[in-house]
C-alpha atoms as a PDB file:
ATOM      1  CA  MET A   1      12.321  -3.184 -19.038  1.00  0.00           C
ATOM      2  CA  LYS A   2       9.350  -3.825 -16.760  1.00  0.00           C
ATOM      3  CA  LYS A   3       9.983  -4.443 -13.082  1.00  0.00           C
ATOM      4  CA  GLU A   4       8.390  -7.633 -11.830  1.00  0.00           C
ATOM      5  CA  LEU A   5       6.067  -7.046  -8.893  1.00  0.00           C
ATOM      6  CA  ARG A   6       7.120  -9.777  -6.517  1.00  0.00           C
ATOM      7  CA  TYR A   7       5.959  -8.160  -3.274  1.00  0.00           C
ATOM      8  CA  ILE A   8       2.668  -6.259  -3.007  1.00  0.00           C
ATOM      9  CA  MET A   9       1.287  -4.639   0.123  1.00  0.00           C
ATOM     10  CA  LEU A  10      -2.444  -4.125   0.578  1.00  0.00           C
ATOM     11  CA  VAL A  11      -3.407  -1.360   3.022  1.00  0.00           C
ATOM     12  CA  ASP A  12      -7.145  -1.420   3.572  1.00  0.00           C
ATOM     13  CA  ASP A  13      -9.296  -1.600   6.688  1.00  0.00           C
ATOM     14  CA  ASP A  14     -11.853  -3.810   4.912  1.00  0.00           C
ATOM     15  CA  PRO A  15     -10.893  -7.507   5.232  1.00  0.00           C
ATOM     16  CA  TYR A  16     -13.212  -8.460   2.360  1.00  0.00           C
ATOM     17  CA  ASP A  17     -11.472  -6.042  -0.001  1.00  0.00           C
ATOM     18  CA  ASN A  18      -8.097  -7.401   1.084  1.00  0.00           C
ATOM     19  CA  PHE A  19      -9.277 -10.971   0.507  1.00  0.00           C
ATOM     20  CA  PHE A  20     -10.629 -10.139  -2.957  1.00  0.00           C
ATOM     21  CA  HIS A  21      -7.540  -8.178  -4.016  1.00  0.00           C
ATOM     22  CA  GLU A  22      -5.157 -10.862  -2.788  1.00  0.00           C
ATOM     23  CA  ARG A  23      -7.125 -13.508  -4.669  1.00  0.00           C
ATOM     24  CA  GLU A  24      -7.002 -11.464  -7.885  1.00  0.00           C
ATOM     25  CA  ILE A  25      -3.269 -10.848  -7.504  1.00  0.00           C
ATOM     26  CA  HIS A  26      -2.627 -14.574  -7.072  1.00  0.00           C
ATOM     27  CA  LYS A  27      -4.750 -15.365 -10.136  1.00  0.00           C
ATOM     28  CA  THR A  28      -2.404 -13.190 -12.176  1.00  0.00           C
ATOM     29  CA  ASN A  29       0.782 -14.419 -10.513  1.00  0.00           C
ATOM     30  CA  PRO A  30       0.626 -17.108  -7.812  1.00  0.00           C
ATOM     31  CA  GLU A  31       4.270 -16.426  -6.892  1.00  0.00           C
ATOM     32  CA  THR A  32       3.574 -12.855  -5.743  1.00  0.00           C
ATOM     33  CA  VAL A  33       3.938 -12.368  -1.999  1.00  0.00           C
ATOM     34  CA  VAL A  34       1.046 -10.292  -0.637  1.00  0.00           C
ATOM     35  CA  ILE A  35       1.577  -8.381   2.601  1.00  0.00           C
ATOM     36  CA  THR A  36      -1.767  -7.333   4.103  1.00  0.00           C
ATOM     37  CA  LYS A  37      -2.146  -4.488   6.591  1.00  0.00           C
ATOM     38  CA  THR A  38      -5.522  -3.368   7.903  1.00  0.00           C
ATOM     39  CA  SER A  39      -4.465   0.154   8.848  1.00  0.00           C
ATOM     40  CA  GLY A  40      -2.150   2.869   7.678  1.00  0.00           C
ATOM     41  CA  LEU A  41      -0.455   2.809  11.079  1.00  0.00           C
ATOM     42  CA  ASP A  42       0.319  -0.917  10.777  1.00  0.00           C
ATOM     43  CA  ALA A  43       1.693  -0.392   7.278  1.00  0.00           C
ATOM     44  CA  LEU A  44       3.921   2.493   8.388  1.00  0.00           C
ATOM     45  CA  GLU A  45       5.205   0.481  11.347  1.00  0.00           C
ATOM     46  CA  TYR A  46       6.032  -2.390   8.982  1.00  0.00           C
ATOM     47  CA  LEU A  47       7.909  -0.053   6.624  1.00  0.00           C
ATOM     48  CA  LYS A  48       9.746   1.782   9.413  1.00  0.00           C
ATOM     49  CA  SER A  49      10.985  -1.480  10.935  1.00  0.00           C
ATOM     50  CA  MET A  50      11.962  -3.182   7.656  1.00  0.00           C
ATOM     51  CA  LYS A  51      15.710  -3.178   8.276  1.00  0.00           C
ATOM     52  CA  GLU A  52      15.444  -4.035  11.962  1.00  0.00           C
ATOM     53  CA  LYS A  53      13.007  -6.921  11.464  1.00  0.00           C
ATOM     54  CA  LYS A  54      14.277  -7.894   8.006  1.00  0.00           C
ATOM     55  CA  ASN A  55      10.819  -7.283   6.532  1.00  0.00           C
ATOM     56  CA  ILE A  56      10.353  -7.574   2.789  1.00  0.00           C
ATOM     57  CA  GLN A  57      10.128  -4.246   0.960  1.00  0.00           C
ATOM     58  CA  PRO A  58       6.973  -4.057  -1.137  1.00  0.00           C
ATOM     59  CA  ASP A  59       7.394  -3.188  -4.803  1.00  0.00           C
ATOM     60  CA  LEU A  60       3.838  -1.860  -4.871  1.00  0.00           C
ATOM     61  CA  ILE A  61       1.394  -0.631  -2.232  1.00  0.00           C
ATOM     62  CA  PHE A  62      -2.346  -0.558  -2.925  1.00  0.00           C
ATOM     63  CA  LEU A  63      -3.521   2.131  -0.502  1.00  0.00           C
ATOM     64  CA  ASP A  64      -7.117   2.790   0.504  1.00  0.00           C
ATOM     65  CA  ILE A  65      -7.898   6.486   0.896  1.00  0.00           C
ATOM     66  CA  ASN A  66     -10.652   6.265   3.508  1.00  0.00           C
ATOM     67  CA  MET A  67      -9.534   4.469   6.658  1.00  0.00           C
ATOM     68  CA  PRO A  68      -9.959   5.207  10.374  1.00  0.00           C
ATOM     69  CA  ASN A  69      -7.124   6.613  12.521  1.00  0.00           C
ATOM     70  CA  ILE A  70      -4.838   7.499   9.611  1.00  0.00           C
ATOM     71  CA  CYS A  71      -6.288   7.965   6.147  1.00  0.00           C
ATOM     72  CA  GLY A  72      -4.454   7.348   2.889  1.00  0.00           C
ATOM     73  CA  TRP A  73      -3.543  11.033   2.569  1.00  0.00           C
ATOM     74  CA  GLU A  74      -1.946  11.051   6.033  1.00  0.00           C
ATOM     75  CA  PHE A  75      -0.159   7.803   5.170  1.00  0.00           C
ATOM     76  CA  LEU A  76       1.378   9.511   2.117  1.00  0.00           C
ATOM     77  CA  ILE A  77       2.694  12.363   4.263  1.00  0.00           C
ATOM     78  CA  GLU A  78       4.318   9.913   6.680  1.00  0.00           C
ATOM     79  CA  PHE A  79       5.614   7.778   3.802  1.00  0.00           C
ATOM     80  CA  SER A  80       7.329  10.833   2.296  1.00  0.00           C
ATOM     81  CA  GLN A  81       9.379  11.114   5.489  1.00  0.00           C
ATOM     82  CA  LEU A  82      10.679   7.534   5.344  1.00  0.00           C
ATOM     83  CA  ASP A  83      14.142   6.552   4.136  1.00  0.00           C
ATOM     84  CA  LYS A  84      14.655   7.513   0.481  1.00  0.00           C
ATOM     85  CA  ASP A  85      15.531   3.887  -0.406  1.00  0.00           C
ATOM     86  CA  ILE A  86      12.069   2.793   0.703  1.00  0.00           C
ATOM     87  CA  GLN A  87      10.378   5.606  -1.199  1.00  0.00           C
ATOM     88  CA  SER A  88      12.262   5.044  -4.433  1.00  0.00           C
ATOM     89  CA  GLY A  89      11.806   1.266  -4.364  1.00  0.00           C
ATOM     90  CA  THR A  90       8.054   1.321  -3.734  1.00  0.00           C
ATOM     91  CA  MET A  91       5.236   2.500  -6.007  1.00  0.00           C
ATOM     92  CA  ILE A  92       1.898   3.487  -4.440  1.00  0.00           C
ATOM     93  CA  MET A  93      -1.505   3.159  -6.099  1.00  0.00           C
ATOM     94  CA  MET A  94      -4.473   4.706  -4.323  1.00  0.00           C
ATOM     95  CA  LEU A  95      -7.774   2.839  -4.129  1.00  0.00           C
ATOM     96  CA  SER A  96     -11.134   4.288  -3.230  1.00  0.00           C
ATOM     97  CA  THR A  97     -14.825   3.962  -3.818  1.00  0.00           C
ATOM     98  CA  SER A  98     -15.187   7.681  -3.106  1.00  0.00           C
ATOM     99  CA  LYS A  99     -17.346   9.588  -5.549  1.00  0.00           C
ATOM    100  CA  ASN A 100     -15.964  12.893  -4.277  1.00  0.00           C
ATOM    101  CA  PRO A 101     -14.341  14.759  -7.212  1.00  0.00           C
ATOM    102  CA  ALA A 102     -11.940  16.434  -4.769  1.00  0.00           C
ATOM    103  CA  ASP A 103     -10.507  13.007  -3.848  1.00  0.00           C
ATOM    104  CA  LYS A 104      -9.864  12.256  -7.517  1.00  0.00           C
ATOM    105  CA  LEU A 105      -8.160  15.596  -8.098  1.00  0.00           C
ATOM    106  CA  ARG A 106      -6.055  15.204  -4.970  1.00  0.00           C
ATOM    107  CA  ALA A 107      -5.036  11.648  -5.956  1.00  0.00           C
ATOM    108  CA  ASN A 108      -4.009  12.814  -9.426  1.00  0.00           C
ATOM    109  CA  ALA A 109      -1.880  15.565  -7.877  1.00  0.00           C
END
């Protein structure tokens, strides 16, 4: 049985990419709630304070690899230290325009 993606988080420092991705998500399913964060730090803060602030847990996170302050790889390290309920309930898909083969290999790992 497929899990319905009701809550999707976009983590990308480019507002145009976030706008485009949110628009495409809503074309597919207008009922999907899109949570947009423009940095890995903001996304981690949101996830860490979910219970306290009664934030919605995303079913899926679209994560940009190349961002300032904390890149997607660093985000993944921090994410792996979050509560196991958050980790098991959230799938992460990495996004990048990088042409670096090392990024692709690392993402596949």
